[in-house]
Amino acid sequence: IMLRVKAQQRIYFKEKPIRYISHLIGHEGKGSILALLKKMGYATGLSAGNQYSLADFEIFHVSITLTSLGLENVEKIVGLVFAYINIIKKEGIQEWIFSECRDISKMEFRFSEKTAP
């Protein structure tokens, strides 16, 4: 699934809205989209994130590794993903999730491999 979204990363650099949404959709634990799709026998893996950043827009993608049964139910799966996105919109930004994303970003930066300038 690929979605065109208005370019916001430069404006909201510190808030990282795409990171927040990627964190929620890409979550693999209890209560996640992936957990539901696995339980239904539709999928074995899922990833979500920003694929392209251009001047005016960005492409956000959700990639799902489907089983044979999942391939027979693509429309249902797409509907579930969009239903989850609507739940995220309805509930709004949760401070504890935002803090978790911020802390993960700090750790990734702190422990990233050193590269030559």
PDB file of N, CA and C in Angstrom:
ATOM      1  N   ILE A   1       0.869  -1.164   0.000  1.00  0.00           N
ATOM      2  CA  ILE A   1       0.000   0.000   0.000  1.00  0.00           C
ATOM      3  C   ILE A   1       0.914   1.223   0.000  1.00  0.00           C
ATOM      4  N   MET A   2       0.693   2.132  -0.924  1.00  0.00           N
ATOM      5  CA  MET A   2       1.486   3.358  -0.983  1.00  0.00           C
ATOM      6  C   MET A   2       0.536   4.546  -0.916  1.00  0.00           C
ATOM      7  N   LEU A   3       0.879   5.497  -0.052  1.00  0.00           N
ATOM      8  CA  LEU A   3       0.054   6.683   0.131  1.00  0.00           C
ATOM      9  C   LEU A   3       0.876   7.937  -0.117  1.00  0.00           C
ATOM     10  N   ARG A   4       0.317   8.855  -0.860  1.00  0.00           N
ATOM     11  CA  ARG A   4       0.961  10.150  -1.073  1.00  0.00           C
ATOM     12  C   ARG A   4       0.528  11.058   0.075  1.00  0.00           C
ATOM     13  N   VAL A   5       1.497  11.598   0.796  1.00  0.00           N
ATOM     14  CA  VAL A   5       1.191  12.499   1.905  1.00  0.00           C
ATOM     15  C   VAL A   5       1.894  13.833   1.684  1.00  0.00           C
ATOM     16  N   LYS A   6       1.277  14.882   2.185  1.00  0.00           N
ATOM     17  CA  LYS A   6       1.846  16.220   2.071  1.00  0.00           C
ATOM     18  C   LYS A   6       3.197  16.256   2.786  1.00  0.00           C
ATOM     19  N   ALA A   7       4.183  16.860   2.155  1.00  0.00           N
ATOM     20  CA  ALA A   7       5.525  16.941   2.748  1.00  0.00           C
ATOM     21  C   ALA A   7       5.474  17.737   4.046  1.00  0.00           C
ATOM     22  N   GLN A   8       5.706  17.067   5.156  1.00  0.00           N
ATOM     23  CA  GLN A   8       5.653  17.693   6.476  1.00  0.00           C
ATOM     24  C   GLN A   8       6.948  17.511   7.263  1.00  0.00           C
ATOM     25  N   GLN A   9       7.821  16.637   6.778  1.00  0.00           N
ATOM     26  CA  GLN A   9       9.014  16.299   7.540  1.00  0.00           C
ATOM     27  C   GLN A   9       9.900  17.512   7.830  1.00  0.00           C
ATOM     28  N   ARG A  10      10.004  18.429   6.876  1.00  0.00           N
ATOM     29  CA  ARG A  10      10.859  19.598   7.106  1.00  0.00           C
ATOM     30  C   ARG A  10      10.241  20.539   8.130  1.00  0.00           C
ATOM     31  N   ILE A  11       8.926  20.698   8.062  1.00  0.00           N
ATOM     32  CA  ILE A  11       8.227  21.594   8.984  1.00  0.00           C
ATOM     33  C   ILE A  11       8.228  21.008  10.402  1.00  0.00           C
ATOM     34  N   TYR A  12       7.961  19.701  10.487  1.00  0.00           N
ATOM     35  CA  TYR A  12       7.862  19.025  11.782  1.00  0.00           C
ATOM     36  C   TYR A  12       9.059  18.115  12.019  1.00  0.00           C
ATOM     37  N   PHE A  13      10.250  18.621  11.733  1.00  0.00           N
ATOM     38  CA  PHE A  13      11.468  17.823  11.859  1.00  0.00           C
ATOM     39  C   PHE A  13      11.613  17.203  13.243  1.00  0.00           C
ATOM     40  N   LYS A  14      11.385  17.988  14.282  1.00  0.00           N
ATOM     41  CA  LYS A  14      11.561  17.484  15.649  1.00  0.00           C
ATOM     42  C   LYS A  14      10.450  16.517  16.066  1.00  0.00           C
ATOM     43  N   GLU A  15       9.235  16.717  15.557  1.00  0.00           N
ATOM     44  CA  GLU A  15       8.111  15.877  15.948  1.00  0.00           C
ATOM     45  C   GLU A  15       8.092  14.543  15.214  1.00  0.00           C
ATOM     46  N   LYS A  16       8.612  14.500  13.992  1.00  0.00           N
ATOM     47  CA  LYS A  16       8.702  13.286  13.176  1.00  0.00           C
ATOM     48  C   LYS A  16       7.358  12.546  13.056  1.00  0.00           C
ATOM     49  N   PRO A  17       6.367  13.181  12.399  1.00  0.00           N
ATOM     50  CA  PRO A  17       5.046  12.537  12.305  1.00  0.00           C
ATOM     51  C   PRO A  17       5.052  11.209  11.561  1.00  0.00           C
ATOM     52  N   ILE A  18       5.878  11.091  10.522  1.00  0.00           N
ATOM     53  CA  ILE A  18       5.926   9.824   9.784  1.00  0.00           C
ATOM     54  C   ILE A  18       6.502   8.724  10.674  1.00  0.00           C
ATOM     55  N   ARG A  19       7.463   9.064  11.490  1.00  0.00           N
ATOM     56  CA  ARG A  19       8.058   8.091  12.425  1.00  0.00           C
ATOM     57  C   ARG A  19       6.999   7.573  13.395  1.00  0.00           C
ATOM     58  N   TYR A  20       6.165   8.487  13.883  1.00  0.00           N
ATOM     59  CA  TYR A  20       5.103   8.134  14.831  1.00  0.00           C
ATOM     60  C   TYR A  20       4.137   7.123  14.192  1.00  0.00           C
ATOM     61  N   ILE A  21       3.660   7.443  12.995  1.00  0.00           N
ATOM     62  CA  ILE A  21       2.700   6.574  12.313  1.00  0.00           C
ATOM     63  C   ILE A  21       3.351   5.247  11.926  1.00  0.00           C
ATOM     64  N   SER A  22       4.600   5.300  11.460  1.00  0.00           N
ATOM     65  CA  SER A  22       5.334   4.074  11.114  1.00  0.00           C
ATOM     66  C   SER A  22       5.478   3.170  12.328  1.00  0.00           C
ATOM     67  N   HIS A  23       5.748   3.781  13.471  1.00  0.00           N
ATOM     68  CA  HIS A  23       5.909   3.046  14.723  1.00  0.00           C
ATOM     69  C   HIS A  23       4.628   2.282  15.054  1.00  0.00           C
ATOM     70  N   LEU A  24       3.496   2.944  14.904  1.00  0.00           N
ATOM     71  CA  LEU A  24       2.223   2.304  15.240  1.00  0.00           C
ATOM     72  C   LEU A  24       1.832   1.228  14.237  1.00  0.00           C
ATOM     73  N   ILE A  25       1.898   1.543  12.955  1.00  0.00           N
ATOM     74  CA  ILE A  25       1.480   0.573  11.942  1.00  0.00           C
ATOM     75  C   ILE A  25       2.470  -0.583  11.862  1.00  0.00           C
ATOM     76  N   GLY A  26       3.760  -0.306  12.048  1.00  0.00           N
ATOM     77  CA  GLY A  26       4.783  -1.338  11.964  1.00  0.00           C
ATOM     78  C   GLY A  26       4.959  -2.163  13.221  1.00  0.00           C
ATOM     79  N   HIS A  27       4.238  -1.811  14.280  1.00  0.00           N
ATOM     80  CA  HIS A  27       4.315  -2.570  15.535  1.00  0.00           C
ATOM     81  C   HIS A  27       3.925  -4.018  15.280  1.00  0.00           C
ATOM     82  N   GLU A  28       4.634  -4.942  15.907  1.00  0.00           N
ATOM     83  CA  GLU A  28       4.390  -6.359  15.642  1.00  0.00           C
ATOM     84  C   GLU A  28       3.849  -7.126  16.834  1.00  0.00           C
ATOM     85  N   GLY A  29       3.632  -6.458  17.949  1.00  0.00           N
ATOM     86  CA  GLY A  29       3.195  -7.135  19.166  1.00  0.00           C
ATOM     87  C   GLY A  29       1.688  -7.309  19.272  1.00  0.00           C
ATOM     88  N   LYS A  30       1.261  -7.667  20.464  1.00  0.00           N
ATOM     89  CA  LYS A  30      -0.151  -7.889  20.772  1.00  0.00           C
ATOM     90  C   LYS A  30      -0.973  -6.645  20.409  1.00  0.00           C
ATOM     91  N   GLY A  31      -2.096  -6.862  19.730  1.00  0.00           N
ATOM     92  CA  GLY A  31      -2.969  -5.764  19.358  1.00  0.00           C
ATOM     93  C   GLY A  31      -2.592  -5.054  18.069  1.00  0.00           C
ATOM     94  N   SER A  32      -1.529  -5.500  17.410  1.00  0.00           N
ATOM     95  CA  SER A  32      -1.072  -4.840  16.185  1.00  0.00           C
ATOM     96  C   SER A  32      -1.825  -5.368  14.965  1.00  0.00           C
ATOM     97  N   ILE A  33      -1.703  -4.633  13.865  1.00  0.00           N
ATOM     98  CA  ILE A  33      -2.287  -5.107  12.605  1.00  0.00           C
ATOM     99  C   ILE A  33      -1.655  -6.442  12.229  1.00  0.00           C
ATOM    100  N   LEU A  34      -0.333  -6.537  12.365  1.00  0.00           N
ATOM    101  CA  LEU A  34       0.344  -7.776  11.996  1.00  0.00           C
ATOM    102  C   LEU A  34      -0.151  -8.945  12.848  1.00  0.00           C
ATOM    103  N   ALA A  35      -0.324  -8.736  14.138  1.00  0.00           N
ATOM    104  CA  ALA A  35      -0.818  -9.810  15.010  1.00  0.00           C
ATOM    105  C   ALA A  35      -2.190 -10.293  14.528  1.00  0.00           C
ATOM    106  N   LEU A  36      -3.053  -9.359  14.148  1.00  0.00           N
ATOM    107  CA  LEU A  36      -4.375  -9.722  13.644  1.00  0.00           C
ATOM    108  C   LEU A  36      -4.266 -10.484  12.327  1.00  0.00           C
ATOM    109  N   LEU A  37      -3.440  -9.977  11.406  1.00  0.00           N
ATOM    110  CA  LEU A  37      -3.290 -10.635  10.109  1.00  0.00           C
ATOM    111  C   LEU A  37      -2.685 -12.031  10.250  1.00  0.00           C
ATOM    112  N   LYS A  38      -1.755 -12.195  11.182  1.00  0.00           N
ATOM    113  CA  LYS A  38      -1.184 -13.523  11.434  1.00  0.00           C
ATOM    114  C   LYS A  38      -2.248 -14.461  11.990  1.00  0.00           C
ATOM    115  N   LYS A  39      -3.039 -13.962  12.932  1.00  0.00           N
ATOM    116  CA  LYS A  39      -4.103 -14.769  13.549  1.00  0.00           C
ATOM    117  C   LYS A  39      -5.115 -15.224  12.499  1.00  0.00           C
ATOM    118  N   MET A  40      -5.383 -14.365  11.512  1.00  0.00           N
ATOM    119  CA  MET A  40      -6.331 -14.689  10.447  1.00  0.00           C
ATOM    120  C   MET A  40      -5.692 -15.571   9.375  1.00  0.00           C
ATOM    121  N   GLY A  41      -4.366 -15.775   9.474  1.00  0.00           N
ATOM    122  CA  GLY A  41      -3.654 -16.587   8.497  1.00  0.00           C
ATOM    123  C   GLY A  41      -3.354 -15.848   7.205  1.00  0.00           C
ATOM    124  N   TYR A  42      -3.383 -14.505   7.242  1.00  0.00           N
ATOM    125  CA  TYR A  42      -3.219 -13.687   6.047  1.00  0.00           C
ATOM    126  C   TYR A  42      -1.787 -13.223   5.788  1.00  0.00           C
ATOM    127  N   ALA A  43      -0.964 -13.104   6.829  1.00  0.00           N
ATOM    128  CA  ALA A  43       0.352 -12.489   6.643  1.00  0.00           C
ATOM    129  C   ALA A  43       1.392 -13.092   7.570  1.00  0.00           C
ATOM    130  N   THR A  44       2.655 -12.912   7.152  1.00  0.00           N
ATOM    131  CA  THR A  44       3.781 -13.361   7.975  1.00  0.00           C
ATOM    132  C   THR A  44       4.698 -12.212   8.368  1.00  0.00           C
ATOM    133  N   GLY A  45       4.551 -11.059   7.731  1.00  0.00           N
ATOM    134  CA  GLY A  45       5.414  -9.918   8.040  1.00  0.00           C
ATOM    135  C   GLY A  45       4.798  -8.613   7.579  1.00  0.00           C
ATOM    136  N   LEU A  46       5.282  -7.512   8.155  1.00  0.00           N
ATOM    137  CA  LEU A  46       4.773  -6.184   7.819  1.00  0.00           C
ATOM    138  C   LEU A  46       5.840  -5.147   8.124  1.00  0.00           C
ATOM    139  N   SER A  47       5.958  -4.160   7.247  1.00  0.00           N
ATOM    140  CA  SER A  47       6.815  -3.011   7.527  1.00  0.00           C
ATOM    141  C   SER A  47       6.093  -1.763   7.053  1.00  0.00           C
ATOM    142  N   ALA A  48       6.413  -0.636   7.658  1.00  0.00           N
ATOM    143  CA  ALA A  48       5.769   0.626   7.288  1.00  0.00           C
ATOM    144  C   ALA A  48       6.776   1.750   7.438  1.00  0.00           C
ATOM    145  N   GLY A  49       6.708   2.708   6.541  1.00  0.00           N
ATOM    146  CA  GLY A  49       7.610   3.845   6.659  1.00  0.00           C
ATOM    147  C   GLY A  49       7.583   4.743   5.446  1.00  0.00           C
ATOM    148  N   ASN A  50       8.393   5.766   5.520  1.00  0.00           N
ATOM    149  CA  ASN A  50       8.519   6.746   4.458  1.00  0.00           C
ATOM    150  C   ASN A  50       9.418   6.163   3.380  1.00  0.00           C
ATOM    151  N   GLN A  51       8.904   6.057   2.166  1.00  0.00           N
ATOM    152  CA  GLN A  51       9.698   5.478   1.093  1.00  0.00           C
ATOM    153  C   GLN A  51      10.425   6.541   0.288  1.00  0.00           C
ATOM    154  N   TYR A  52       9.757   7.644  -0.033  1.00  0.00           N
ATOM    155  CA  TYR A  52      10.358   8.732  -0.792  1.00  0.00           C
ATOM    156  C   TYR A  52       9.984  10.056  -0.157  1.00  0.00           C
ATOM    157  N   SER A  53      10.919  10.996  -0.145  1.00  0.00           N
ATOM    158  CA  SER A  53      10.648  12.360   0.276  1.00  0.00           C
ATOM    159  C   SER A  53      11.003  13.283  -0.870  1.00  0.00           C
ATOM    160  N   LEU A  54       9.999  13.957  -1.387  1.00  0.00           N
ATOM    161  CA  LEU A  54      10.202  14.911  -2.460  1.00  0.00           C
ATOM    162  C   LEU A  54       9.844  16.297  -1.941  1.00  0.00           C
ATOM    163  N   ALA A  55      10.018  17.311  -2.747  1.00  0.00           N
ATOM    164  CA  ALA A  55       9.787  18.689  -2.295  1.00  0.00           C
ATOM    165  C   ALA A  55       8.354  18.921  -1.821  1.00  0.00           C
ATOM    166  N   ASP A  56       7.371  18.429  -2.576  1.00  0.00           N
ATOM    167  CA  ASP A  56       5.973  18.722  -2.272  1.00  0.00           C
ATOM    168  C   ASP A  56       5.221  17.598  -1.566  1.00  0.00           C
ATOM    169  N   PHE A  57       5.721  16.392  -1.671  1.00  0.00           N
ATOM    170  CA  PHE A  57       5.012  15.282  -1.055  1.00  0.00           C
ATOM    171  C   PHE A  57       5.974  14.151  -0.713  1.00  0.00           C
ATOM    172  N   GLU A  58       5.459  13.226   0.068  1.00  0.00           N
ATOM    173  CA  GLU A  58       6.212  12.045   0.459  1.00  0.00           C
ATOM    174  C   GLU A  58       5.368  10.820   0.136  1.00  0.00           C
ATOM    175  N   ILE A  59       6.020   9.690  -0.038  1.00  0.00           N
ATOM    176  CA  ILE A  59       5.316   8.428  -0.249  1.00  0.00           C
ATOM    177  C   ILE A  59       5.513   7.584   1.011  1.00  0.00           C
ATOM    178  N   PHE A  60       4.394   7.287   1.651  1.00  0.00           N
ATOM    179  CA  PHE A  60       4.384   6.427   2.836  1.00  0.00           C
ATOM    180  C   PHE A  60       3.935   5.049   2.367  1.00  0.00           C
ATOM    181  N   HIS A  61       4.648   4.025   2.780  1.00  0.00           N
ATOM    182  CA  HIS A  61       4.282   2.684   2.329  1.00  0.00           C
ATOM    183  C   HIS A  61       4.033   1.747   3.500  1.00  0.00           C
ATOM    184  N   VAL A  62       3.156   0.800   3.254  1.00  0.00           N
ATOM    185  CA  VAL A  62       2.934  -0.319   4.163  1.00  0.00           C
ATOM    186  C   VAL A  62       3.140  -1.559   3.311  1.00  0.00           C
ATOM    187  N   SER A  63       4.121  -2.361   3.663  1.00  0.00           N
ATOM    188  CA  SER A  63       4.442  -3.573   2.922  1.00  0.00           C
ATOM    189  C   SER A  63       4.084  -4.783   3.785  1.00  0.00           C
ATOM    190  N   ILE A  64       3.256  -5.657   3.236  1.00  0.00           N
ATOM    191  CA  ILE A  64       2.794  -6.822   3.995  1.00  0.00           C
ATOM    192  C   ILE A  64       3.169  -8.084   3.221  1.00  0.00           C
ATOM    193  N   THR A  65       3.835  -9.002   3.889  1.00  0.00           N
ATOM    194  CA  THR A  65       4.158 -10.296   3.298  1.00  0.00           C
ATOM    195  C   THR A  65       2.951 -11.197   3.510  1.00  0.00           C
ATOM    196  N   LEU A  66       2.281 -11.513   2.403  1.00  0.00           N
ATOM    197  CA  LEU A  66       1.035 -12.261   2.482  1.00  0.00           C
ATOM    198  C   LEU A  66       1.239 -13.758   2.313  1.00  0.00           C
ATOM    199  N   THR A  67       0.353 -14.503   2.953  1.00  0.00           N
ATOM    200  CA  THR A  67       0.278 -15.944   2.739  1.00  0.00           C
ATOM    201  C   THR A  67      -0.614 -16.174   1.516  1.00  0.00           C
ATOM    202  N   SER A  68      -0.774 -17.423   1.127  1.00  0.00           N
ATOM    203  CA  SER A  68      -1.683 -17.741   0.013  1.00  0.00           C
ATOM    204  C   SER A  68      -3.100 -17.284   0.347  1.00  0.00           C
ATOM    205  N   LEU A  69      -3.520 -17.516   1.587  1.00  0.00           N
ATOM    206  CA  LEU A  69      -4.846 -17.074   2.021  1.00  0.00           C
ATOM    207  C   LEU A  69      -4.940 -15.553   1.999  1.00  0.00           C
ATOM    208  N   GLY A  70      -3.860 -14.876   2.367  1.00  0.00           N
ATOM    209  CA  GLY A  70      -3.820 -13.421   2.323  1.00  0.00           C
ATOM    210  C   GLY A  70      -3.982 -12.886   0.912  1.00  0.00           C
ATOM    211  N   LEU A  71      -3.360 -13.563  -0.046  1.00  0.00           N
ATOM    212  CA  LEU A  71      -3.480 -13.145  -1.450  1.00  0.00           C
ATOM    213  C   LEU A  71      -4.929 -13.225  -1.936  1.00  0.00           C
ATOM    214  N   GLU A  72      -5.692 -14.127  -1.346  1.00  0.00           N
ATOM    215  CA  GLU A  72      -7.109 -14.251  -1.700  1.00  0.00           C
ATOM    216  C   GLU A  72      -7.974 -13.193  -1.012  1.00  0.00           C
ATOM    217  N   ASN A  73      -7.400 -12.464  -0.055  1.00  0.00           N
ATOM    218  CA  ASN A  73      -8.169 -11.510   0.746  1.00  0.00           C
ATOM    219  C   ASN A  73      -7.531 -10.123   0.780  1.00  0.00           C
ATOM    220  N   VAL A  74      -6.913  -9.705  -0.313  1.00  0.00           N
ATOM    221  CA  VAL A  74      -6.198  -8.428  -0.364  1.00  0.00           C
ATOM    222  C   VAL A  74      -7.114  -7.258  -0.028  1.00  0.00           C
ATOM    223  N   GLU A  75      -8.311  -7.226  -0.581  1.00  0.00           N
ATOM    224  CA  GLU A  75      -9.222  -6.105  -0.316  1.00  0.00           C
ATOM    225  C   GLU A  75      -9.567  -6.015   1.165  1.00  0.00           C
ATOM    226  N   LYS A  76      -9.788  -7.132   1.803  1.00  0.00           N
ATOM    227  CA  LYS A  76     -10.093  -7.157   3.238  1.00  0.00           C
ATOM    228  C   LYS A  76      -8.901  -6.630   4.041  1.00  0.00           C
ATOM    229  N   ILE A  77      -7.694  -7.035   3.647  1.00  0.00           N
ATOM    230  CA  ILE A  77      -6.477  -6.597   4.339  1.00  0.00           C
ATOM    231  C   ILE A  77      -6.289  -5.093   4.191  1.00  0.00           C
ATOM    232  N   VAL A  78      -6.463  -4.573   2.980  1.00  0.00           N
ATOM    233  CA  VAL A  78      -6.348  -3.129   2.757  1.00  0.00           C
ATOM    234  C   VAL A  78      -7.377  -2.395   3.618  1.00  0.00           C
ATOM    235  N   GLY A  79      -8.585  -2.918   3.697  1.00  0.00           N
ATOM    236  CA  GLY A  79      -9.620  -2.327   4.542  1.00  0.00           C
ATOM    237  C   GLY A  79      -9.211  -2.291   6.009  1.00  0.00           C
ATOM    238  N   LEU A  80      -8.581  -3.356   6.488  1.00  0.00           N
ATOM    239  CA  LEU A  80      -8.113  -3.393   7.881  1.00  0.00           C
ATOM    240  C   LEU A  80      -7.029  -2.345   8.139  1.00  0.00           C
ATOM    241  N   VAL A  81      -6.118  -2.198   7.185  1.00  0.00           N
ATOM    242  CA  VAL A  81      -5.052  -1.195   7.338  1.00  0.00           C
ATOM    243  C   VAL A  81      -5.654   0.204   7.412  1.00  0.00           C
ATOM    244  N   PHE A  82      -6.585   0.517   6.519  1.00  0.00           N
ATOM    245  CA  PHE A  82      -7.202   1.847   6.535  1.00  0.00           C
ATOM    246  C   PHE A  82      -8.074   2.053   7.772  1.00  0.00           C
ATOM    247  N   ALA A  83      -8.705   0.998   8.260  1.00  0.00           N
ATOM    248  CA  ALA A  83      -9.474   1.104   9.505  1.00  0.00           C
ATOM    249  C   ALA A  83      -8.538   1.459  10.663  1.00  0.00           C
ATOM    250  N   TYR A  84      -7.355   0.850  10.675  1.00  0.00           N
ATOM    251  CA  TYR A  84      -6.380   1.142  11.729  1.00  0.00           C
ATOM    252  C   TYR A  84      -5.878   2.580  11.625  1.00  0.00           C
ATOM    253  N   ILE A  85      -5.628   3.040  10.401  1.00  0.00           N
ATOM    254  CA  ILE A  85      -5.213   4.433  10.208  1.00  0.00           C
ATOM    255  C   ILE A  85      -6.289   5.383  10.729  1.00  0.00           C
ATOM    256  N   ASN A  86      -7.555   5.053  10.491  1.00  0.00           N
ATOM    257  CA  ASN A  86      -8.648   5.884  10.999  1.00  0.00           C
ATOM    258  C   ASN A  86      -8.706   5.888  12.516  1.00  0.00           C
ATOM    259  N   ILE A  87      -8.384   4.765  13.145  1.00  0.00           N
ATOM    260  CA  ILE A  87      -8.325   4.716  14.615  1.00  0.00           C
ATOM    261  C   ILE A  87      -7.218   5.645  15.116  1.00  0.00           C
ATOM    262  N   ILE A  88      -6.068   5.615  14.458  1.00  0.00           N
ATOM    263  CA  ILE A  88      -4.949   6.495  14.837  1.00  0.00           C
ATOM    264  C   ILE A  88      -5.389   7.954  14.730  1.00  0.00           C
ATOM    265  N   LYS A  89      -6.052   8.293  13.622  1.00  0.00           N
ATOM    266  CA  LYS A  89      -6.545   9.668  13.434  1.00  0.00           C
ATOM    267  C   LYS A  89      -7.527  10.057  14.540  1.00  0.00           C
ATOM    268  N   LYS A  90      -8.458   9.165  14.834  1.00  0.00           N
ATOM    269  CA  LYS A  90      -9.504   9.437  15.827  1.00  0.00           C
ATOM    270  C   LYS A  90      -8.919   9.627  17.226  1.00  0.00           C
ATOM    271  N   GLU A  91      -7.973   8.785  17.607  1.00  0.00           N
ATOM    272  CA  GLU A  91      -7.393   8.851  18.945  1.00  0.00           C
ATOM    273  C   GLU A  91      -6.396   9.991  19.098  1.00  0.00           C
ATOM    274  N   GLY A  92      -5.834  10.460  17.991  1.00  0.00           N
ATOM    275  CA  GLY A  92      -4.873  11.559  18.059  1.00  0.00           C
ATOM    276  C   GLY A  92      -3.537  11.120  18.632  1.00  0.00           C
ATOM    277  N   ILE A  93      -2.677  12.107  18.810  1.00  0.00           N
ATOM    278  CA  ILE A  93      -1.325  11.848  19.311  1.00  0.00           C
ATOM    279  C   ILE A  93      -1.385  11.457  20.788  1.00  0.00           C
ATOM    280  N   GLN A  94      -0.759  10.333  21.100  1.00  0.00           N
ATOM    281  CA  GLN A  94      -0.672   9.870  22.482  1.00  0.00           C
ATOM    282  C   GLN A  94       0.722  10.223  23.006  1.00  0.00           C
ATOM    283  N   GLU A  95       0.780  10.964  24.093  1.00  0.00           N
ATOM    284  CA  GLU A  95       2.059  11.443  24.629  1.00  0.00           C
ATOM    285  C   GLU A  95       3.035  10.296  24.906  1.00  0.00           C
ATOM    286  N   TRP A  96       2.553   9.198  25.460  1.00  0.00           N
ATOM    287  CA  TRP A  96       3.455   8.096  25.801  1.00  0.00           C
ATOM    288  C   TRP A  96       4.048   7.449  24.546  1.00  0.00           C
ATOM    289  N   ILE A  97       3.279   7.391  23.458  1.00  0.00           N
ATOM    290  CA  ILE A  97       3.803   6.827  22.210  1.00  0.00           C
ATOM    291  C   ILE A  97       4.814   7.792  21.594  1.00  0.00           C
ATOM    292  N   PHE A  98       4.483   9.089  21.623  1.00  0.00           N
ATOM    293  CA  PHE A  98       5.405  10.104  21.119  1.00  0.00           C
ATOM    294  C   PHE A  98       6.730  10.023  21.880  1.00  0.00           C
ATOM    295  N   SER A  99       6.669   9.898  23.200  1.00  0.00           N
ATOM    296  CA  SER A  99       7.879   9.802  24.026  1.00  0.00           C
ATOM    297  C   SER A  99       8.672   8.541  23.689  1.00  0.00           C
ATOM    298  N   GLU A 100       7.971   7.444  23.464  1.00  0.00           N
ATOM    299  CA  GLU A 100       8.639   6.195  23.103  1.00  0.00           C
ATOM    300  C   GLU A 100       9.390   6.344  21.778  1.00  0.00           C
ATOM    301  N   CYS A 101       8.749   6.965  20.789  1.00  0.00           N
ATOM    302  CA  CYS A 101       9.397   7.200  19.489  1.00  0.00           C
ATOM    303  C   CYS A 101      10.617   8.097  19.647  1.00  0.00           C
ATOM    304  N   ARG A 102      10.478   9.145  20.452  1.00  0.00           N
ATOM    305  CA  ARG A 102      11.592  10.069  20.687  1.00  0.00           C
ATOM    306  C   ARG A 102      12.763   9.328  21.333  1.00  0.00           C
ATOM    307  N   ASP A 103      12.475   8.503  22.330  1.00  0.00           N
ATOM    308  CA  ASP A 103      13.535   7.774  23.028  1.00  0.00           C
ATOM    309  C   ASP A 103      14.230   6.767  22.103  1.00  0.00           C
ATOM    310  N   ILE A 104      13.474   6.111  21.261  1.00  0.00           N
ATOM    311  CA  ILE A 104      14.059   5.163  20.305  1.00  0.00           C
ATOM    312  C   ILE A 104      14.972   5.907  19.333  1.00  0.00           C
ATOM    313  N   SER A 105      14.519   7.062  18.842  1.00  0.00           N
ATOM    314  CA  SER A 105      15.344   7.864  17.924  1.00  0.00           C
ATOM    315  C   SER A 105      16.649   8.287  18.584  1.00  0.00           C
ATOM    316  N   LYS A 106      16.578   8.700  19.837  1.00  0.00           N
ATOM    317  CA  LYS A 106      17.795   9.094  20.567  1.00  0.00           C
ATOM    318  C   LYS A 106      18.759   7.926  20.690  1.00  0.00           C
ATOM    319  N   MET A 107      18.233   6.742  21.008  1.00  0.00           N
ATOM    320  CA  MET A 107      19.095   5.573  21.146  1.00  0.00           C
ATOM    321  C   MET A 107      19.715   5.179  19.808  1.00  0.00           C
ATOM    322  N   GLU A 108      18.916   5.234  18.737  1.00  0.00           N
ATOM    323  CA  GLU A 108      19.444   4.905  17.416  1.00  0.00           C
ATOM    324  C   GLU A 108      20.574   5.854  17.034  1.00  0.00           C
ATOM    325  N   PHE A 109      20.410   7.139  17.353  1.00  0.00           N
ATOM    326  CA  PHE A 109      21.453   8.115  17.042  1.00  0.00           C
ATOM    327  C   PHE A 109      22.685   7.849  17.902  1.00  0.00           C
ATOM    328  N   ARG A 110      22.467   7.639  19.177  1.00  0.00           N
ATOM    329  CA  ARG A 110      23.585   7.440  20.116  1.00  0.00           C
ATOM    330  C   ARG A 110      24.407   6.205  19.768  1.00  0.00           C
ATOM    331  N   PHE A 111      23.747   5.142  19.347  1.00  0.00           N
ATOM    332  CA  PHE A 111      24.449   3.888  19.094  1.00  0.00           C
ATOM    333  C   PHE A 111      24.659   3.596  17.598  1.00  0.00           C
ATOM    334  N   SER A 112      24.458   4.591  16.762  1.00  0.00           N
ATOM    335  CA  SER A 112      24.699   4.390  15.328  1.00  0.00           C
ATOM    336  C   SER A 112      26.190   4.276  15.055  1.00  0.00           C
ATOM    337  N   GLU A 113      26.516   3.586  13.980  1.00  0.00           N
ATOM    338  CA  GLU A 113      27.913   3.427  13.608  1.00  0.00           C
ATOM    339  C   GLU A 113      28.493   4.766  13.191  1.00  0.00           C
ATOM    340  N   LYS A 114      29.710   4.997  13.587  1.00  0.00           N
ATOM    341  CA  LYS A 114      30.390   6.222  13.206  1.00  0.00           C
ATOM    342  C   LYS A 114      30.772   6.140  11.738  1.00  0.00           C
ATOM    343  N   THR A 115      30.540   7.242  11.013  1.00  0.00           N
ATOM    344  CA  THR A 115      30.899   7.293   9.607  1.00  0.00           C
ATOM    345  C   THR A 115      31.837   8.472   9.364  1.00  0.00           C
ATOM    346  N   ALA A 116      32.597   8.359   8.307  1.00  0.00           N
ATOM    347  CA  ALA A 116      33.510   9.452   7.948  1.00  0.00           C
ATOM    348  C   ALA A 116      32.687  10.641   7.431  1.00  0.00           C
ATOM    349  N   PRO A 117      33.134  11.860   7.756  1.00  0.00           N
ATOM    350  CA  PRO A 117      32.397  13.048   7.282  1.00  0.00           C
ATOM    351  C   PRO A 117      32.442  13.209   5.781  1.00  0.00           C
TER     352      PRO A 117
END
